[in-house]
Amino acid sequence: MLYRIEVGLRPGVPDAAGADVKRGIEDLGIGGVASVSVSDVYYIEGDLSPAEAERVAGELL
């Protein structure tokens, strides 16, 4: 089975990388972007149960 796990910052934690991307977009002369958030995405393929995938997400990532 293939699992997709997305890891991002907790709510309320400033996203410096997202702010940098937003500034870069504005530097390109593109407006209207309210916010940018950056996350890491992991694809894990194997014979894992949903509970094992949740454990990986919660304890390792």
PDB file of N, CA and C in Angstrom:
ATOM      1  N   MET A   1       0.845  -1.170   0.000  1.00  0.00           N
ATOM      2  CA  MET A   1       0.000   0.000   0.000  1.00  0.00           C
ATOM      3  C   MET A   1       0.894   1.238   0.000  1.00  0.00           C
ATOM      4  N   LEU A   2       0.403   2.311  -0.580  1.00  0.00           N
ATOM      5  CA  LEU A   2       1.134   3.573  -0.643  1.00  0.00           C
ATOM      6  C   LEU A   2       0.488   4.566   0.316  1.00  0.00           C
ATOM      7  N   TYR A   3       1.300   5.129   1.190  1.00  0.00           N
ATOM      8  CA  TYR A   3       0.832   6.140   2.138  1.00  0.00           C
ATOM      9  C   TYR A   3       1.477   7.472   1.800  1.00  0.00           C
ATOM     10  N   ARG A   4       0.706   8.530   1.913  1.00  0.00           N
ATOM     11  CA  ARG A   4       1.202   9.892   1.716  1.00  0.00           C
ATOM     12  C   ARG A   4       1.099  10.591   3.059  1.00  0.00           C
ATOM     13  N   ILE A   5       2.231  11.069   3.556  1.00  0.00           N
ATOM     14  CA  ILE A   5       2.270  11.750   4.842  1.00  0.00           C
ATOM     15  C   ILE A   5       2.802  13.157   4.615  1.00  0.00           C
ATOM     16  N   GLU A   6       2.028  14.145   5.014  1.00  0.00           N
ATOM     17  CA  GLU A   6       2.418  15.546   4.873  1.00  0.00           C
ATOM     18  C   GLU A   6       2.766  16.091   6.250  1.00  0.00           C
ATOM     19  N   VAL A   7       3.934  16.717   6.337  1.00  0.00           N
ATOM     20  CA  VAL A   7       4.415  17.259   7.605  1.00  0.00           C
ATOM     21  C   VAL A   7       4.620  18.757   7.438  1.00  0.00           C
ATOM     22  N   GLY A   8       3.944  19.515   8.269  1.00  0.00           N
ATOM     23  CA  GLY A   8       4.073  20.969   8.230  1.00  0.00           C
ATOM     24  C   GLY A   8       4.207  21.519   9.633  1.00  0.00           C
ATOM     25  N   LEU A   9       4.275  22.815   9.711  1.00  0.00           N
ATOM     26  CA  LEU A   9       4.387  23.474  11.006  1.00  0.00           C
ATOM     27  C   LEU A   9       3.060  23.447  11.741  1.00  0.00           C
ATOM     28  N   ARG A  10       3.136  23.488  13.036  1.00  0.00           N
ATOM     29  CA  ARG A  10       1.919  23.557  13.849  1.00  0.00           C
ATOM     30  C   ARG A  10       1.284  24.935  13.675  1.00  0.00           C
ATOM     31  N   PRO A  11      -0.033  25.010  13.834  1.00  0.00           N
ATOM     32  CA  PRO A  11      -0.705  26.314  13.734  1.00  0.00           C
ATOM     33  C   PRO A  11      -0.090  27.315  14.710  1.00  0.00           C
ATOM     34  N   GLY A  12       0.101  28.518  14.218  1.00  0.00           N
ATOM     35  CA  GLY A  12       0.660  29.580  15.045  1.00  0.00           C
ATOM     36  C   GLY A  12       2.170  29.705  14.975  1.00  0.00           C
ATOM     37  N   VAL A  13       2.850  28.709  14.398  1.00  0.00           N
ATOM     38  CA  VAL A  13       4.305  28.773  14.257  1.00  0.00           C
ATOM     39  C   VAL A  13       4.613  29.491  12.947  1.00  0.00           C
ATOM     40  N   PRO A  14       5.419  30.558  13.001  1.00  0.00           N
ATOM     41  CA  PRO A  14       5.732  31.296  11.768  1.00  0.00           C
ATOM     42  C   PRO A  14       6.429  30.403  10.739  1.00  0.00           C
ATOM     43  N   ASP A  15       6.035  30.550   9.493  1.00  0.00           N
ATOM     44  CA  ASP A  15       6.597  29.758   8.395  1.00  0.00           C
ATOM     45  C   ASP A  15       7.564  30.647   7.615  1.00  0.00           C
ATOM     46  N   ALA A  16       8.834  30.649   8.023  1.00  0.00           N
ATOM     47  CA  ALA A  16       9.830  31.511   7.389  1.00  0.00           C
ATOM     48  C   ALA A  16      10.032  31.146   5.919  1.00  0.00           C
ATOM     49  N   ALA A  17      10.041  29.863   5.603  1.00  0.00           N
ATOM     50  CA  ALA A  17      10.223  29.445   4.207  1.00  0.00           C
ATOM     51  C   ALA A  17       9.041  29.888   3.358  1.00  0.00           C
ATOM     52  N   GLY A  18       7.836  29.762   3.889  1.00  0.00           N
ATOM     53  CA  GLY A  18       6.653  30.219   3.172  1.00  0.00           C
ATOM     54  C   GLY A  18       6.681  31.720   2.944  1.00  0.00           C
ATOM     55  N   ALA A  19       7.131  32.470   3.954  1.00  0.00           N
ATOM     56  CA  ALA A  19       7.229  33.927   3.819  1.00  0.00           C
ATOM     57  C   ALA A  19       8.246  34.299   2.744  1.00  0.00           C
ATOM     58  N   ASP A  20       9.357  33.554   2.668  1.00  0.00           N
ATOM     59  CA  ASP A  20      10.357  33.809   1.624  1.00  0.00           C
ATOM     60  C   ASP A  20       9.776  33.577   0.235  1.00  0.00           C
ATOM     61  N   VAL A  21       9.021  32.510   0.071  1.00  0.00           N
ATOM     62  CA  VAL A  21       8.404  32.221  -1.230  1.00  0.00           C
ATOM     63  C   VAL A  21       7.399  33.309  -1.583  1.00  0.00           C
ATOM     64  N   LYS A  22       6.613  33.743  -0.608  1.00  0.00           N
ATOM     65  CA  LYS A  22       5.628  34.805  -0.854  1.00  0.00           C
ATOM     66  C   LYS A  22       6.329  36.079  -1.311  1.00  0.00           C
ATOM     67  N   ARG A  23       7.432  36.437  -0.650  1.00  0.00           N
ATOM     68  CA  ARG A  23       8.190  37.628  -1.073  1.00  0.00           C
ATOM     69  C   ARG A  23       8.723  37.449  -2.488  1.00  0.00           C
ATOM     70  N   GLY A  24       9.198  36.247  -2.802  1.00  0.00           N
ATOM     71  CA  GLY A  24       9.693  35.986  -4.151  1.00  0.00           C
ATOM     72  C   GLY A  24       8.609  36.141  -5.199  1.00  0.00           C
ATOM     73  N   ILE A  25       7.418  35.677  -4.891  1.00  0.00           N
ATOM     74  CA  ILE A  25       6.287  35.835  -5.811  1.00  0.00           C
ATOM     75  C   ILE A  25       5.993  37.313  -6.018  1.00  0.00           C
ATOM     76  N   GLU A  26       5.987  38.064  -4.917  1.00  0.00           N
ATOM     77  CA  GLU A  26       5.735  39.506  -5.017  1.00  0.00           C
ATOM     78  C   GLU A  26       6.842  40.197  -5.802  1.00  0.00           C
ATOM     79  N   ASP A  27       8.101  39.757  -5.630  1.00  0.00           N
ATOM     80  CA  ASP A  27       9.221  40.326  -6.387  1.00  0.00           C
ATOM     81  C   ASP A  27       9.072  40.079  -7.884  1.00  0.00           C
ATOM     82  N   LEU A  28       8.361  39.023  -8.252  1.00  0.00           N
ATOM     83  CA  LEU A  28       8.090  38.753  -9.666  1.00  0.00           C
ATOM     84  C   LEU A  28       6.992  39.651 -10.216  1.00  0.00           C
ATOM     85  N   GLY A  29       6.407  40.462  -9.342  1.00  0.00           N
ATOM     86  CA  GLY A  29       5.330  41.349  -9.762  1.00  0.00           C
ATOM     87  C   GLY A  29       3.969  40.688  -9.757  1.00  0.00           C
ATOM     88  N   ILE A  30       3.865  39.565  -9.108  1.00  0.00           N
ATOM     89  CA  ILE A  30       2.599  38.840  -9.039  1.00  0.00           C
ATOM     90  C   ILE A  30       1.947  39.167  -7.706  1.00  0.00           C
ATOM     91  N   GLY A  31       0.730  39.668  -7.765  1.00  0.00           N
ATOM     92  CA  GLY A  31       0.020  40.031  -6.548  1.00  0.00           C
ATOM     93  C   GLY A  31      -1.116  39.073  -6.264  1.00  0.00           C
ATOM     94  N   GLY A  32      -1.776  39.336  -5.162  1.00  0.00           N
ATOM     95  CA  GLY A  32      -2.961  38.572  -4.824  1.00  0.00           C
ATOM     96  C   GLY A  32      -2.707  37.299  -4.038  1.00  0.00           C
ATOM     97  N   VAL A  33      -1.451  37.022  -3.700  1.00  0.00           N
ATOM     98  CA  VAL A  33      -1.158  35.829  -2.914  1.00  0.00           C
ATOM     99  C   VAL A  33      -1.273  36.204  -1.440  1.00  0.00           C
ATOM    100  N   ALA A  34      -2.218  35.605  -0.753  1.00  0.00           N
ATOM    101  CA  ALA A  34      -2.454  35.942   0.655  1.00  0.00           C
ATOM    102  C   ALA A  34      -1.427  35.285   1.570  1.00  0.00           C
ATOM    103  N   SER A  35      -1.082  34.042   1.298  1.00  0.00           N
ATOM    104  CA  SER A  35      -0.106  33.358   2.144  1.00  0.00           C
ATOM    105  C   SER A  35       0.464  32.159   1.399  1.00  0.00           C
ATOM    106  N   VAL A  36       1.613  31.716   1.866  1.00  0.00           N
ATOM    107  CA  VAL A  36       2.260  30.521   1.328  1.00  0.00           C
ATOM    108  C   VAL A  36       2.703  29.686   2.524  1.00  0.00           C
ATOM    109  N   SER A  37       2.428  28.409   2.479  1.00  0.00           N
ATOM    110  CA  SER A  37       2.921  27.512   3.524  1.00  0.00           C
ATOM    111  C   SER A  37       3.742  26.404   2.878  1.00  0.00           C
ATOM    112  N   VAL A  38       4.770  25.993   3.575  1.00  0.00           N
ATOM    113  CA  VAL A  38       5.685  24.979   3.075  1.00  0.00           C
ATOM    114  C   VAL A  38       5.532  23.722   3.928  1.00  0.00           C
ATOM    115  N   SER A  39       5.449  22.581   3.269  1.00  0.00           N
ATOM    116  CA  SER A  39       5.337  21.290   3.952  1.00  0.00           C
ATOM    117  C   SER A  39       6.264  20.288   3.281  1.00  0.00           C
ATOM    118  N   ASP A  40       6.633  19.270   4.026  1.00  0.00           N
ATOM    119  CA  ASP A  40       7.351  18.133   3.458  1.00  0.00           C
ATOM    120  C   ASP A  40       6.337  17.027   3.211  1.00  0.00           C
ATOM    121  N   VAL A  41       6.469  16.345   2.086  1.00  0.00           N
ATOM    122  CA  VAL A  41       5.570  15.238   1.760  1.00  0.00           C
ATOM    123  C   VAL A  41       6.409  13.975   1.601  1.00  0.00           C
ATOM    124  N   TYR A  42       5.986  12.922   2.286  1.00  0.00           N
ATOM    125  CA  TYR A  42       6.656  11.629   2.230  1.00  0.00           C
ATOM    126  C   TYR A  42       5.694  10.612   1.634  1.00  0.00           C
ATOM    127  N   TYR A  43       6.191   9.813   0.706  1.00  0.00           N
ATOM    128  CA  TYR A  43       5.432   8.689   0.163  1.00  0.00           C
ATOM    129  C   TYR A  43       6.118   7.425   0.656  1.00  0.00           C
ATOM    130  N   ILE A  44       5.381   6.623   1.379  1.00  0.00           N
ATOM    131  CA  ILE A  44       5.923   5.392   1.931  1.00  0.00           C
ATOM    132  C   ILE A  44       5.126   4.233   1.351  1.00  0.00           C
ATOM    133  N   GLU A  45       5.833   3.367   0.641  1.00  0.00           N
ATOM    134  CA  GLU A  45       5.170   2.225   0.018  1.00  0.00           C
ATOM    135  C   GLU A  45       5.667   0.950   0.675  1.00  0.00           C
ATOM    136  N   GLY A  46       4.748   0.099   1.028  1.00  0.00           N
ATOM    137  CA  GLY A  46       5.135  -1.172   1.623  1.00  0.00           C
ATOM    138  C   GLY A  46       3.958  -1.839   2.293  1.00  0.00           C
ATOM    139  N   ASP A  47       4.260  -2.911   2.956  1.00  0.00           N
ATOM    140  CA  ASP A  47       3.236  -3.717   3.616  1.00  0.00           C
ATOM    141  C   ASP A  47       3.044  -3.220   5.049  1.00  0.00           C
ATOM    142  N   LEU A  48       2.581  -1.989   5.180  1.00  0.00           N
ATOM    143  CA  LEU A  48       2.319  -1.383   6.483  1.00  0.00           C
ATOM    144  C   LEU A  48       0.819  -1.321   6.708  1.00  0.00           C
ATOM    145  N   SER A  49       0.425  -1.482   7.938  1.00  0.00           N
ATOM    146  CA  SER A  49      -0.985  -1.285   8.276  1.00  0.00           C
ATOM    147  C   SER A  49      -1.226   0.214   8.449  1.00  0.00           C
ATOM    148  N   PRO A  50      -2.475   0.649   8.385  1.00  0.00           N
ATOM    149  CA  PRO A  50      -2.757   2.064   8.652  1.00  0.00           C
ATOM    150  C   PRO A  50      -2.226   2.509  10.018  1.00  0.00           C
ATOM    151  N   ALA A  51      -2.316   1.653  11.017  1.00  0.00           N
ATOM    152  CA  ALA A  51      -1.810   2.005  12.351  1.00  0.00           C
ATOM    153  C   ALA A  51      -0.292   2.194  12.331  1.00  0.00           C
ATOM    154  N   GLU A  52       0.406   1.363  11.572  1.00  0.00           N
ATOM    155  CA  GLU A  52       1.863   1.507  11.474  1.00  0.00           C
ATOM    156  C   GLU A  52       2.236   2.792  10.748  1.00  0.00           C
ATOM    157  N   ALA A  53       1.495   3.125   9.699  1.00  0.00           N
ATOM    158  CA  ALA A  53       1.756   4.373   8.979  1.00  0.00           C
ATOM    159  C   ALA A  53       1.513   5.572   9.892  1.00  0.00           C
ATOM    160  N   GLU A  54       0.469   5.520  10.697  1.00  0.00           N
ATOM    161  CA  GLU A  54       0.201   6.600  11.650  1.00  0.00           C
ATOM    162  C   GLU A  54       1.313   6.691  12.686  1.00  0.00           C
ATOM    163  N   ARG A  55       1.834   5.570  13.097  1.00  0.00           N
ATOM    164  CA  ARG A  55       2.937   5.576  14.065  1.00  0.00           C
ATOM    165  C   ARG A  55       4.174   6.230  13.464  1.00  0.00           C
ATOM    166  N   VAL A  56       4.489   5.899  12.215  1.00  0.00           N
ATOM    167  CA  VAL A  56       5.619   6.533  11.530  1.00  0.00           C
ATOM    168  C   VAL A  56       5.411   8.043  11.495  1.00  0.00           C
ATOM    169  N   ALA A  57       4.216   8.456  11.118  1.00  0.00           N
ATOM    170  CA  ALA A  57       3.926   9.890  11.015  1.00  0.00           C
ATOM    171  C   ALA A  57       4.025  10.579  12.368  1.00  0.00           C
ATOM    172  N   GLY A  58       3.513   9.944  13.393  1.00  0.00           N
ATOM    173  CA  GLY A  58       3.463  10.583  14.698  1.00  0.00           C
ATOM    174  C   GLY A  58       4.755  10.540  15.488  1.00  0.00           C
ATOM    175  N   GLU A  59       5.532   9.476  15.319  1.00  0.00           N
ATOM    176  CA  GLU A  59       6.724   9.298  16.142  1.00  0.00           C
ATOM    177  C   GLU A  59       8.036   9.581  15.423  1.00  0.00           C
ATOM    178  N   LEU A  60       8.048   9.431  14.111  1.00  0.00           N
ATOM    179  CA  LEU A  60       9.304   9.585  13.379  1.00  0.00           C
ATOM    180  C   LEU A  60       9.363  10.884  12.590  1.00  0.00           C
ATOM    181  N   LEU A  61       8.265  11.220  11.947  1.00  0.00           N
ATOM    182  CA  LEU A  61       8.254  12.413  11.111  1.00  0.00           C
ATOM    183  C   LEU A  61       7.714  13.575  11.903  1.00  0.00           C
TER     184      LEU A  61
END
